Amino acid sequence: MLKTLTLALASLALILTAVHADSRFKKSHWPSRIEGGALKVQGPGYGSWGTRWVTVDSGVTSYTEVGTSMGPVLVYAKGSSSSVVQLRFDTGMVQNRRSFRVATSIIRGGQYGALIRAGTTCYDYSWQQLRAIDCNTRQFK
């Protein structure tokens, strides 16, 4: 009985983390969630974005995010593909959307963007660019 309850709670925790997350950078905070398959991010409380919720995409099944000085970077799964986007920190405008046919994840965030891995290839995703880097040295190819 205890084992079943523990497994049920662990499953619930996985479901909850898959549908709600937050990203931060210094004093900025962007709550996010999946609601009815739509990935939404709330504004940090300033700029024209204010505290409105912005829909990033629909049909999203899971996601991760990291905060940067330029705004949150989100990597999300949709069907058999994955995408990465950055939302402008003060307006919530979706910028630099890139799609991949392989699983994609965030390696780490930085001040202006993030390092991401798509399959076996790593990228510097910053300054409205996506540039391949060596996964070990993190130098541009």
N, C-alpha and C. Protein backbone atom coordinates (compact mmCIF):
# COMPACT_ATOMS: atom_id res chain seq x y z
N MET A 1 0.82 -1.19 0.00
CA MET A 1 0.00 0.00 0.00
C MET A 1 0.88 1.27 0.00
N LEU A 2 1.87 1.29 0.88
CA LEU A 2 2.76 2.44 0.96
C LEU A 2 3.54 2.62 -0.34
N LYS A 3 3.98 1.51 -0.93
CA LYS A 3 4.72 1.57 -2.19
C LYS A 3 3.83 2.13 -3.30
N THR A 4 2.57 1.71 -3.35
CA THR A 4 1.63 2.21 -4.35
C THR A 4 1.39 3.70 -4.16
N LEU A 5 1.23 4.14 -2.93
CA LEU A 5 1.02 5.55 -2.64
C LEU A 5 2.25 6.37 -3.02
N THR A 6 3.43 5.87 -2.73
CA THR A 6 4.67 6.55 -3.09
C THR A 6 4.79 6.70 -4.60
N LEU A 7 4.49 5.63 -5.35
CA LEU A 7 4.55 5.70 -6.81
C LEU A 7 3.51 6.67 -7.35
N ALA A 8 2.33 6.69 -6.78
CA ALA A 8 1.29 7.62 -7.22
C ALA A 8 1.71 9.06 -6.99
N LEU A 9 2.30 9.35 -5.83
CA LEU A 9 2.77 10.71 -5.54
C LEU A 9 3.92 11.11 -6.46
N ALA A 10 4.81 10.19 -6.76
CA ALA A 10 5.92 10.47 -7.67
C ALA A 10 5.39 10.77 -9.07
N SER A 11 4.40 10.01 -9.51
CA SER A 11 3.79 10.25 -10.83
C SER A 11 3.12 11.61 -10.87
N LEU A 12 2.40 11.95 -9.80
CA LEU A 12 1.75 13.26 -9.73
C LEU A 12 2.78 14.38 -9.77
N ALA A 13 3.89 14.21 -9.07
CA ALA A 13 4.94 15.23 -9.08
C ALA A 13 5.50 15.41 -10.49
N LEU A 14 5.70 14.33 -11.24
CA LEU A 14 6.17 14.44 -12.62
C LEU A 14 5.17 15.19 -13.48
N ILE A 15 3.90 14.89 -13.33
CA ILE A 15 2.86 15.57 -14.11
C ILE A 15 2.85 17.05 -13.78
N LEU A 16 2.91 17.40 -12.50
CA LEU A 16 2.87 18.80 -12.10
C LEU A 16 4.08 19.57 -12.61
N THR A 17 5.27 18.97 -12.58
CA THR A 17 6.44 19.68 -13.05
C THR A 17 6.42 19.82 -14.56
N ALA A 18 5.73 18.93 -15.25
CA ALA A 18 5.67 19.01 -16.70
C ALA A 18 4.70 20.10 -17.16
N VAL A 19 3.82 20.57 -16.29
CA VAL A 19 2.82 21.54 -16.71
C VAL A 19 2.98 22.90 -16.06
N HIS A 20 3.97 23.08 -15.20
CA HIS A 20 4.17 24.37 -14.56
C HIS A 20 5.66 24.56 -14.23
N ALA A 21 6.18 25.72 -14.54
CA ALA A 21 7.58 26.03 -14.22
C ALA A 21 7.72 27.55 -14.10
N ASP A 22 8.84 27.98 -13.64
CA ASP A 22 9.16 29.40 -13.55
C ASP A 22 10.59 29.60 -14.01
N SER A 23 10.86 30.76 -14.58
CA SER A 23 12.25 31.10 -14.84
C SER A 23 12.51 32.47 -14.25
N ARG A 24 13.76 32.69 -13.87
CA ARG A 24 14.16 33.95 -13.24
C ARG A 24 15.49 34.40 -13.82
N PHE A 25 15.66 35.71 -13.85
CA PHE A 25 16.97 36.29 -14.12
C PHE A 25 17.04 37.57 -13.30
N LYS A 26 17.96 37.59 -12.36
CA LYS A 26 18.08 38.70 -11.41
C LYS A 26 16.72 38.97 -10.77
N LYS A 27 16.13 40.15 -10.99
CA LYS A 27 14.85 40.47 -10.35
C LYS A 27 13.64 40.10 -11.22
N SER A 28 13.87 39.65 -12.44
CA SER A 28 12.76 39.29 -13.33
C SER A 28 12.30 37.86 -13.06
N HIS A 29 10.99 37.65 -13.17
CA HIS A 29 10.38 36.35 -12.89
C HIS A 29 9.28 36.11 -13.92
N TRP A 30 9.36 34.96 -14.62
CA TRP A 30 8.37 34.62 -15.63
C TRP A 30 7.72 33.28 -15.30
N PRO A 31 6.55 33.27 -14.64
CA PRO A 31 5.84 32.00 -14.41
C PRO A 31 5.35 31.45 -15.76
N SER A 32 5.25 30.14 -15.85
CA SER A 32 4.76 29.53 -17.09
C SER A 32 3.96 28.28 -16.77
N ARG A 33 3.18 27.82 -17.75
CA ARG A 33 2.35 26.64 -17.56
C ARG A 33 1.84 26.13 -18.89
N ILE A 34 1.43 24.86 -18.89
CA ILE A 34 0.69 24.30 -20.01
C ILE A 34 -0.76 24.22 -19.57
N GLU A 35 -1.61 24.84 -20.33
CA GLU A 35 -3.03 24.88 -20.00
C GLU A 35 -3.81 24.45 -21.24
N GLY A 36 -4.43 23.26 -21.18
CA GLY A 36 -5.17 22.75 -22.33
C GLY A 36 -4.29 22.56 -23.55
N GLY A 37 -3.02 22.21 -23.35
CA GLY A 37 -2.08 22.00 -24.45
C GLY A 37 -1.38 23.26 -24.91
N ALA A 38 -1.80 24.42 -24.40
CA ALA A 38 -1.19 25.69 -24.79
C ALA A 38 -0.10 26.07 -23.78
N LEU A 39 1.11 26.35 -24.27
CA LEU A 39 2.21 26.80 -23.43
C LEU A 39 2.06 28.31 -23.25
N LYS A 40 1.94 28.75 -22.00
CA LYS A 40 1.73 30.16 -21.69
C LYS A 40 2.79 30.64 -20.71
N VAL A 41 3.20 31.90 -20.88
CA VAL A 41 4.18 32.53 -19.99
C VAL A 41 3.62 33.86 -19.53
N GLN A 42 3.74 34.13 -18.24
CA GLN A 42 3.26 35.38 -17.67
C GLN A 42 4.37 36.41 -17.65
N GLY A 43 4.00 37.66 -17.91
CA GLY A 43 4.97 38.75 -17.90
C GLY A 43 5.54 39.00 -16.52
N PRO A 44 6.69 39.69 -16.48
CA PRO A 44 7.40 39.92 -15.21
C PRO A 44 6.82 41.07 -14.38
N GLY A 45 5.81 41.76 -14.91
CA GLY A 45 5.19 42.85 -14.15
C GLY A 45 5.65 44.23 -14.56
N TYR A 46 6.44 44.33 -15.64
CA TYR A 46 6.86 45.64 -16.12
C TYR A 46 6.86 45.65 -17.65
N GLY A 47 7.10 46.83 -18.23
CA GLY A 47 7.06 46.96 -19.69
C GLY A 47 5.64 46.78 -20.20
N SER A 48 5.47 46.73 -21.51
CA SER A 48 4.14 46.57 -22.08
C SER A 48 3.57 45.18 -21.83
N TRP A 49 4.43 44.23 -21.47
CA TRP A 49 3.97 42.86 -21.17
C TRP A 49 3.20 42.85 -19.85
N GLY A 50 3.66 43.59 -18.87
CA GLY A 50 2.99 43.63 -17.57
C GLY A 50 2.91 42.25 -16.95
N THR A 51 1.71 41.84 -16.54
CA THR A 51 1.50 40.51 -15.96
C THR A 51 0.58 39.66 -16.84
N ARG A 52 0.39 40.07 -18.10
CA ARG A 52 -0.45 39.30 -19.03
C ARG A 52 0.19 37.94 -19.31
N TRP A 53 -0.65 36.96 -19.60
CA TRP A 53 -0.18 35.65 -20.06
C TRP A 53 -0.10 35.67 -21.58
N VAL A 54 1.03 35.24 -22.13
CA VAL A 54 1.25 35.17 -23.57
C VAL A 54 1.28 33.69 -23.96
N THR A 55 0.55 33.33 -25.03
CA THR A 55 0.57 31.96 -25.53
C THR A 55 1.75 31.81 -26.49
N VAL A 56 2.63 30.87 -26.19
CA VAL A 56 3.82 30.61 -27.01
C VAL A 56 3.47 29.70 -28.17
N ASP A 57 2.74 28.61 -27.89
CA ASP A 57 2.36 27.64 -28.91
C ASP A 57 1.28 26.73 -28.33
N SER A 58 0.60 25.99 -29.20
CA SER A 58 -0.41 25.03 -28.75
C SER A 58 0.02 23.62 -29.11
N GLY A 59 -0.62 22.63 -28.51
CA GLY A 59 -0.26 21.24 -28.76
C GLY A 59 1.01 20.82 -28.06
N VAL A 60 1.43 21.57 -27.04
CA VAL A 60 2.68 21.33 -26.32
C VAL A 60 2.46 20.25 -25.26
N THR A 61 3.38 19.30 -25.18
CA THR A 61 3.25 18.21 -24.21
C THR A 61 4.19 18.36 -23.02
N SER A 62 5.35 18.98 -23.19
CA SER A 62 6.28 19.21 -22.09
C SER A 62 7.23 20.34 -22.47
N TYR A 63 7.90 20.90 -21.46
CA TYR A 63 8.82 22.00 -21.73
C TYR A 63 9.77 22.21 -20.57
N THR A 64 10.85 22.94 -20.86
CA THR A 64 11.77 23.44 -19.84
C THR A 64 12.08 24.89 -20.20
N GLU A 65 12.57 25.63 -19.25
CA GLU A 65 12.88 27.03 -19.53
C GLU A 65 14.00 27.53 -18.64
N VAL A 66 14.59 28.64 -19.07
CA VAL A 66 15.63 29.30 -18.29
C VAL A 66 15.49 30.81 -18.53
N GLY A 67 15.73 31.60 -17.48
CA GLY A 67 15.65 33.04 -17.62
C GLY A 67 16.98 33.65 -18.05
N THR A 68 16.91 34.71 -18.86
CA THR A 68 18.09 35.44 -19.30
C THR A 68 17.77 36.93 -19.22
N SER A 69 18.77 37.78 -19.41
CA SER A 69 18.51 39.22 -19.40
C SER A 69 17.66 39.65 -20.59
N MET A 70 17.63 38.84 -21.62
CA MET A 70 16.86 39.14 -22.82
C MET A 70 15.43 38.59 -22.75
N GLY A 71 15.14 37.78 -21.72
CA GLY A 71 13.83 37.16 -21.57
C GLY A 71 13.96 35.66 -21.43
N PRO A 72 12.86 34.98 -21.14
CA PRO A 72 12.93 33.53 -20.95
C PRO A 72 13.19 32.78 -22.25
N VAL A 73 13.98 31.71 -22.17
CA VAL A 73 14.21 30.78 -23.28
C VAL A 73 13.45 29.51 -22.92
N LEU A 74 12.60 29.05 -23.86
CA LEU A 74 11.80 27.85 -23.62
C LEU A 74 12.10 26.81 -24.68
N VAL A 75 12.28 25.56 -24.26
CA VAL A 75 12.43 24.42 -25.15
C VAL A 75 11.22 23.54 -24.87
N TYR A 76 10.47 23.21 -25.92
CA TYR A 76 9.24 22.44 -25.70
C TYR A 76 9.04 21.38 -26.76
N ALA A 77 8.32 20.32 -26.35
CA ALA A 77 7.99 19.22 -27.26
C ALA A 77 6.57 19.40 -27.77
N LYS A 78 6.41 19.14 -29.06
CA LYS A 78 5.11 19.26 -29.72
C LYS A 78 5.07 18.18 -30.79
N GLY A 79 4.24 17.16 -30.57
CA GLY A 79 4.22 16.04 -31.51
C GLY A 79 5.56 15.33 -31.50
N SER A 80 6.10 15.07 -32.69
CA SER A 80 7.38 14.37 -32.79
C SER A 80 8.56 15.33 -32.95
N SER A 81 8.31 16.61 -32.76
CA SER A 81 9.40 17.58 -32.90
C SER A 81 9.52 18.40 -31.62
N SER A 82 10.56 19.21 -31.58
CA SER A 82 10.74 20.12 -30.45
C SER A 82 11.13 21.48 -31.00
N SER A 83 10.88 22.50 -30.21
CA SER A 83 11.19 23.87 -30.62
C SER A 83 11.85 24.62 -29.49
N VAL A 84 12.57 25.69 -29.85
CA VAL A 84 13.16 26.60 -28.88
C VAL A 84 12.75 28.01 -29.28
N VAL A 85 12.36 28.81 -28.29
CA VAL A 85 11.99 30.21 -28.53
C VAL A 85 12.53 31.05 -27.39
N GLN A 86 12.67 32.34 -27.67
CA GLN A 86 12.97 33.29 -26.62
C GLN A 86 11.89 34.35 -26.66
N LEU A 87 11.36 34.72 -25.49
CA LEU A 87 10.37 35.78 -25.41
C LEU A 87 11.08 37.06 -24.99
N ARG A 88 10.76 38.15 -25.69
CA ARG A 88 11.38 39.43 -25.34
C ARG A 88 11.00 39.79 -23.91
N PHE A 89 11.98 40.19 -23.12
CA PHE A 89 11.81 40.39 -21.68
C PHE A 89 10.72 41.38 -21.29
N ASP A 90 10.47 42.41 -22.11
CA ASP A 90 9.52 43.45 -21.71
C ASP A 90 8.21 43.45 -22.47
N THR A 91 8.16 42.74 -23.62
CA THR A 91 6.92 42.73 -24.41
C THR A 91 6.29 41.34 -24.51
N GLY A 92 7.08 40.29 -24.30
CA GLY A 92 6.56 38.93 -24.44
C GLY A 92 6.51 38.45 -25.88
N MET A 93 7.05 39.24 -26.81
CA MET A 93 7.05 38.86 -28.21
C MET A 93 7.92 37.61 -28.42
N VAL A 94 7.35 36.63 -29.16
CA VAL A 94 8.10 35.40 -29.47
C VAL A 94 9.17 35.75 -30.50
N GLN A 95 10.41 35.37 -30.20
CA GLN A 95 11.54 35.66 -31.07
C GLN A 95 12.34 34.41 -31.37
N ASN A 96 12.94 34.38 -32.54
CA ASN A 96 13.95 33.37 -32.89
C ASN A 96 13.46 31.93 -32.67
N ARG A 97 12.26 31.60 -33.18
CA ARG A 97 11.73 30.25 -33.02
C ARG A 97 12.49 29.31 -33.95
N ARG A 98 13.00 28.22 -33.39
CA ARG A 98 13.72 27.20 -34.15
C ARG A 98 13.10 25.85 -33.83
N SER A 99 12.99 24.98 -34.84
CA SER A 99 12.40 23.65 -34.65
C SER A 99 13.41 22.57 -34.99
N PHE A 100 13.27 21.44 -34.30
CA PHE A 100 14.17 20.30 -34.50
C PHE A 100 13.33 19.03 -34.58
N ARG A 101 13.84 18.03 -35.28
CA ARG A 101 13.17 16.73 -35.38
C ARG A 101 13.70 15.74 -34.35
N VAL A 102 14.52 16.21 -33.44
CA VAL A 102 15.11 15.36 -32.39
C VAL A 102 14.84 16.00 -31.03
N ALA A 103 14.99 15.20 -29.99
CA ALA A 103 14.81 15.72 -28.63
C ALA A 103 15.79 16.86 -28.37
N THR A 104 15.31 17.91 -27.74
CA THR A 104 16.12 19.10 -27.51
C THR A 104 16.04 19.46 -26.02
N SER A 105 17.16 19.91 -25.47
CA SER A 105 17.18 20.27 -24.05
C SER A 105 18.09 21.48 -23.84
N ILE A 106 17.89 22.12 -22.71
CA ILE A 106 18.75 23.25 -22.32
C ILE A 106 19.94 22.71 -21.53
N ILE A 107 21.14 23.05 -21.96
CA ILE A 107 22.35 22.68 -21.23
C ILE A 107 22.52 23.63 -20.04
N ARG A 108 22.48 24.93 -20.34
CA ARG A 108 22.55 25.94 -19.29
C ARG A 108 22.15 27.29 -19.86
N GLY A 109 21.71 28.17 -18.99
CA GLY A 109 21.37 29.52 -19.39
C GLY A 109 22.55 30.44 -19.24
N GLY A 110 22.50 31.56 -19.91
CA GLY A 110 23.52 32.59 -19.81
C GLY A 110 22.86 33.94 -19.75
N GLN A 111 23.63 35.00 -19.79
CA GLN A 111 23.05 36.34 -19.69
C GLN A 111 22.18 36.68 -20.89
N TYR A 112 22.59 36.30 -22.11
CA TYR A 112 21.89 36.72 -23.31
C TYR A 112 21.15 35.59 -24.03
N GLY A 113 21.26 34.36 -23.55
CA GLY A 113 20.61 33.23 -24.21
C GLY A 113 20.92 31.94 -23.49
N ALA A 114 21.00 30.87 -24.23
CA ALA A 114 21.22 29.56 -23.62
C ALA A 114 22.05 28.67 -24.53
N LEU A 115 22.68 27.67 -23.93
CA LEU A 115 23.31 26.60 -24.70
C LEU A 115 22.29 25.47 -24.72
N ILE A 116 22.03 24.93 -25.92
CA ILE A 116 21.05 23.86 -26.05
C ILE A 116 21.66 22.67 -26.77
N ARG A 117 21.06 21.51 -26.56
CA ARG A 117 21.48 20.29 -27.23
C ARG A 117 20.28 19.76 -28.00
N ALA A 118 20.47 19.53 -29.30
CA ALA A 118 19.44 18.94 -30.15
C ALA A 118 20.03 17.64 -30.69
N GLY A 119 19.58 16.51 -30.15
CA GLY A 119 20.19 15.23 -30.50
C GLY A 119 21.62 15.20 -30.01
N THR A 120 22.57 15.04 -30.93
CA THR A 120 23.99 15.02 -30.54
C THR A 120 24.71 16.32 -30.88
N THR A 121 23.97 17.32 -31.33
CA THR A 121 24.56 18.60 -31.71
C THR A 121 24.24 19.65 -30.65
N CYS A 122 25.23 20.47 -30.32
CA CYS A 122 25.05 21.54 -29.35
C CYS A 122 25.05 22.88 -30.06
N TYR A 123 24.32 23.84 -29.48
CA TYR A 123 24.17 25.16 -30.10
C TYR A 123 24.27 26.26 -29.05
N ASP A 124 24.79 27.40 -29.49
CA ASP A 124 24.70 28.64 -28.74
C ASP A 124 23.46 29.34 -29.30
N TYR A 125 22.46 29.51 -28.46
CA TYR A 125 21.20 30.14 -28.85
C TYR A 125 21.14 31.49 -28.14
N SER A 126 21.68 32.52 -28.79
CA SER A 126 21.71 33.85 -28.19
C SER A 126 21.79 34.91 -29.28
N TRP A 127 21.47 36.15 -28.91
CA TRP A 127 21.55 37.27 -29.83
C TRP A 127 20.80 37.00 -31.14
N GLN A 128 19.63 36.38 -31.07
CA GLN A 128 18.79 36.07 -32.23
C GLN A 128 19.48 35.13 -33.22
N GLN A 129 20.44 34.35 -32.75
CA GLN A 129 21.16 33.42 -33.62
C GLN A 129 21.14 32.03 -33.02
N LEU A 130 21.41 31.05 -33.86
CA LEU A 130 21.58 29.67 -33.45
C LEU A 130 22.86 29.19 -34.13
N ARG A 131 23.94 29.05 -33.35
CA ARG A 131 25.24 28.68 -33.93
C ARG A 131 25.73 27.39 -33.32
N ALA A 132 26.15 26.45 -34.17
CA ALA A 132 26.66 25.16 -33.70
C ALA A 132 27.94 25.37 -32.91
N ILE A 133 28.07 24.62 -31.82
CA ILE A 133 29.28 24.65 -31.00
C ILE A 133 29.71 23.22 -30.72
N ASP A 134 30.97 23.06 -30.35
CA ASP A 134 31.47 21.77 -29.93
C ASP A 134 30.90 21.48 -28.54
N CYS A 135 30.28 20.32 -28.37
CA CYS A 135 29.62 19.99 -27.10
C CYS A 135 30.60 19.89 -25.93
N ASN A 136 31.85 19.53 -26.19
CA ASN A 136 32.83 19.39 -25.11
C ASN A 136 33.52 20.71 -24.77
N THR A 137 34.02 21.41 -25.78
CA THR A 137 34.76 22.65 -25.51
C THR A 137 33.86 23.87 -25.46
N ARG A 138 32.68 23.75 -26.04
CA ARG A 138 31.70 24.84 -26.16
C ARG A 138 32.24 26.02 -26.98
N GLN A 139 33.16 25.70 -27.88
CA GLN A 139 33.69 26.68 -28.82
C GLN A 139 32.91 26.58 -30.11
N PHE A 140 32.78 27.69 -30.84
CA PHE A 140 32.08 27.67 -32.13
C PHE A 140 32.79 26.77 -33.10
N LYS A 141 32.02 26.09 -33.92
CA LYS A 141 32.62 25.20 -34.93
C LYS A 141 33.02 26.00 -36.14
